[in-house]
Amino acid sequence: MLNKGLLEKITESHNKKKTKEEIVIRLNRYMIIEINKKKYAIHAQDVREIISGISIFFVPFTPPYIRGFINRHGEPYSVIDLTVIFEREKLDSSTFLILSREDDQLALLISDVLEIVKLPESDLHRITSKQEGENYFFGSISPKGKEEIFVLDVEQFLTKLEADLGGL
């Protein structure tokens, strides 16, 4: 009888461990950035570094949202100004968010970096609409119960860039 009770306790303990292992919450890290007094989020793994105080070299015959190139460690990075895409005006800033890409060297022109947050994957509110202007976002997040912040979809900007430069 003693062995049976011990066996039940071991089995019960094993089952409790299994349920704890099954409850794995995947966390995503987002960098909250400011672009022209508006907040946006970007997946932290899409960011290599943030730099500031570097001059932009203008390149003619490119779409207006491509502000030019910056020189980072002897490598050129194309600078994309999202305010031209969203608001049709240029952002006056010298802060750049260098994207972590293997195939392209891109930088986003931003106003500021506000914070980095970790949120459960389930907190991303996906956008299912494919209307013009909404396809630049994965969805939105609401860190700490604050206002909704749109999460930028870097791949959509690359698709736009390739489509616009394809004719050049």
Protein backbone atom coordinates (compact mmCIF):
# COMPACT_ATOMS: atom_id res chain seq x y z
CA MET A 1 0.00 0.00 0.00
CA LEU A 2 2.89 2.34 0.77
CA ASN A 3 4.37 1.88 -2.72
CA LYS A 4 1.00 2.58 -4.34
CA GLY A 5 0.69 5.93 -2.49
CA LEU A 6 4.25 6.86 -3.44
CA LEU A 7 3.59 5.96 -7.07
CA GLU A 8 0.46 8.16 -7.10
CA LYS A 9 2.42 11.13 -5.70
CA ILE A 10 5.16 10.70 -8.31
CA THR A 11 2.58 10.48 -11.11
CA GLU A 12 0.74 13.55 -9.76
CA SER A 13 4.01 15.50 -9.51
CA HIS A 14 4.97 14.50 -13.07
CA ASN A 15 1.56 15.67 -14.36
CA LYS A 16 1.94 19.06 -12.63
CA LYS A 17 5.35 19.58 -14.24
CA LYS A 18 3.93 18.71 -17.62
CA THR A 19 1.17 21.31 -17.34
CA LYS A 20 3.69 23.98 -16.33
CA GLU A 21 5.81 23.10 -19.38
CA GLU A 22 2.76 23.27 -21.63
CA ILE A 23 2.02 26.83 -20.53
CA VAL A 24 4.75 28.56 -22.51
CA ILE A 25 4.03 32.15 -23.43
CA ARG A 26 5.93 33.44 -26.43
CA LEU A 27 7.08 37.00 -25.88
CA ASN A 28 7.87 39.44 -28.66
CA ARG A 29 10.10 42.46 -28.18
CA TYR A 30 9.03 45.69 -29.85
CA MET A 31 10.91 48.94 -30.15
CA ILE A 32 8.58 51.91 -29.76
CA ILE A 33 9.75 54.76 -32.00
CA GLU A 34 8.50 58.22 -32.74
CA ILE A 35 8.21 59.55 -36.27
CA ASN A 36 6.97 63.12 -36.60
CA LYS A 37 5.21 63.07 -33.18
CA LYS A 38 3.46 59.74 -33.90
CA LYS A 39 4.32 56.47 -32.19
CA TYR A 40 5.03 53.29 -34.11
CA ALA A 41 6.41 49.90 -33.10
CA ILE A 42 8.85 47.66 -34.92
CA HIS A 43 9.95 44.13 -34.05
CA ALA A 44 13.23 44.51 -32.14
CA GLN A 45 14.86 41.71 -34.15
CA ASP A 46 14.42 43.88 -37.28
CA VAL A 47 16.73 46.55 -35.82
CA ARG A 48 20.53 46.41 -36.00
CA GLU A 49 21.36 49.78 -34.45
CA ILE A 50 20.29 53.38 -33.97
CA ILE A 51 22.57 56.20 -35.05
CA SER A 52 22.32 59.93 -35.24
CA GLY A 53 24.14 62.96 -36.51
CA ILE A 54 25.12 61.54 -39.91
CA SER A 55 24.56 63.48 -43.14
CA ILE A 56 22.26 62.19 -45.85
CA PHE A 57 23.68 62.19 -49.38
CA PHE A 58 20.95 63.02 -51.89
CA VAL A 59 20.47 60.70 -54.86
CA PRO A 60 18.53 62.00 -57.88
CA PHE A 61 15.85 60.11 -59.81
CA THR A 62 14.58 58.07 -56.86
CA PRO A 63 11.09 58.04 -55.34
CA PRO A 64 10.51 60.97 -52.93
CA TYR A 65 10.41 58.72 -49.84
CA ILE A 66 14.03 57.67 -50.50
CA ARG A 67 15.87 60.59 -48.98
CA GLY A 68 19.28 59.38 -50.15
CA PHE A 69 22.10 57.39 -48.59
CA ILE A 70 24.08 57.49 -45.36
CA ASN A 71 27.61 56.16 -44.98
CA ARG A 72 27.94 53.77 -42.04
CA HIS A 73 31.38 52.16 -41.60
CA GLY A 74 32.09 52.64 -45.30
CA GLU A 75 28.83 50.96 -46.35
CA PRO A 76 25.94 52.87 -48.01
CA TYR A 77 22.48 52.55 -46.47
CA SER A 78 19.35 53.72 -48.32
CA VAL A 79 17.33 56.07 -46.13
CA ILE A 80 13.53 55.68 -46.20
CA ASP A 81 11.42 58.56 -44.89
CA LEU A 82 8.09 57.08 -43.79
CA THR A 83 6.49 60.51 -43.31
CA VAL A 84 6.66 61.02 -47.06
CA ILE A 85 4.69 57.79 -47.52
CA PHE A 86 2.18 58.45 -44.73
CA GLU A 87 1.84 62.25 -44.69
CA ARG A 88 3.42 63.48 -47.94
CA GLU A 89 5.95 65.67 -46.12
CA LYS A 90 9.63 65.28 -45.26
CA LEU A 91 10.84 64.60 -41.74
CA ASP A 92 13.48 66.97 -40.40
CA SER A 93 15.69 64.59 -38.40
CA SER A 94 19.15 63.07 -38.36
CA THR A 95 18.31 59.93 -36.36
CA PHE A 96 18.37 56.63 -38.22
CA LEU A 97 17.18 53.16 -37.37
CA ILE A 98 19.43 50.71 -39.22
CA LEU A 99 17.46 47.62 -40.21
CA SER A 100 18.89 44.18 -39.63
CA ARG A 101 18.76 42.73 -43.12
CA GLU A 102 21.05 40.29 -44.87
CA ASP A 103 19.97 41.18 -48.39
CA ASP A 104 19.51 44.99 -48.18
CA GLN A 105 21.12 47.90 -46.39
CA LEU A 106 18.25 50.10 -45.27
CA ALA A 107 17.71 52.76 -42.65
CA LEU A 108 14.50 54.40 -41.50
CA LEU A 109 14.53 58.10 -40.72
CA ILE A 110 12.95 58.52 -37.26
CA SER A 111 12.50 61.26 -34.67
CA ASP A 112 13.30 59.28 -31.51
CA VAL A 113 13.41 55.88 -29.80
CA LEU A 114 11.04 55.82 -26.84
CA GLU A 115 11.30 52.36 -25.28
CA ILE A 116 11.55 48.62 -25.80
CA VAL A 117 8.68 46.48 -24.55
CA LYS A 118 8.10 42.73 -24.23
CA LEU A 119 4.58 41.56 -24.90
CA PRO A 120 2.96 38.17 -25.32
CA GLU A 121 2.47 37.20 -28.95
CA SER A 122 -1.27 37.15 -28.30
CA ASP A 123 -1.24 40.93 -27.60
CA LEU A 124 -0.63 41.71 -31.27
CA HIS A 125 -3.95 42.75 -32.80
CA ARG A 126 -3.59 41.72 -36.45
CA ILE A 127 -4.94 43.87 -39.26
CA THR A 128 -6.91 41.79 -41.70
CA SER A 129 -7.94 44.62 -44.02
CA LYS A 130 -5.87 45.09 -47.16
CA GLN A 131 -6.86 48.72 -47.82
CA GLU A 132 -4.28 51.15 -49.16
CA GLY A 133 -2.16 52.51 -46.30
CA GLU A 134 -3.00 49.67 -43.91
CA ASN A 135 -0.78 47.15 -45.68
CA TYR A 136 2.31 48.76 -44.12
CA PHE A 137 1.38 47.35 -40.70
CA PHE A 138 1.25 43.87 -39.10
CA GLY A 139 -1.27 45.09 -36.59
CA SER A 140 -1.23 47.07 -33.39
CA ILE A 141 -0.15 46.66 -29.79
CA SER A 142 -1.22 48.39 -26.61
CA PRO A 143 1.70 48.24 -24.16
CA LYS A 144 0.76 48.73 -20.50
CA GLY A 145 -2.85 49.39 -21.51
CA LYS A 146 -1.92 52.65 -23.22
CA GLU A 147 -3.02 53.80 -26.68
CA GLU A 148 -2.82 51.50 -29.66
CA ILE A 149 0.49 51.66 -31.54
CA PHE A 150 0.79 50.35 -35.09
CA VAL A 151 3.51 47.75 -35.71
CA LEU A 152 5.45 48.44 -38.93
CA ASP A 153 5.77 45.65 -41.49
CA VAL A 154 9.29 46.12 -42.91
CA GLU A 155 8.66 43.62 -45.71
CA GLN A 156 5.87 45.79 -47.12
CA PHE A 157 8.22 48.78 -47.40
CA LEU A 158 10.74 46.60 -49.22
CA THR A 159 8.01 45.42 -51.60
CA LYS A 160 7.06 49.04 -52.31
CA LEU A 161 10.71 49.98 -52.82
CA GLU A 162 11.31 47.11 -55.25
CA ALA A 163 8.14 47.93 -57.20
CA ASP A 164 9.02 51.64 -57.43
CA LEU A 165 12.65 51.05 -58.40
CA GLY A 166 11.83 48.24 -60.81
CA GLY A 167 10.97 50.73 -63.51
CA LEU A 168 14.25 52.65 -63.19
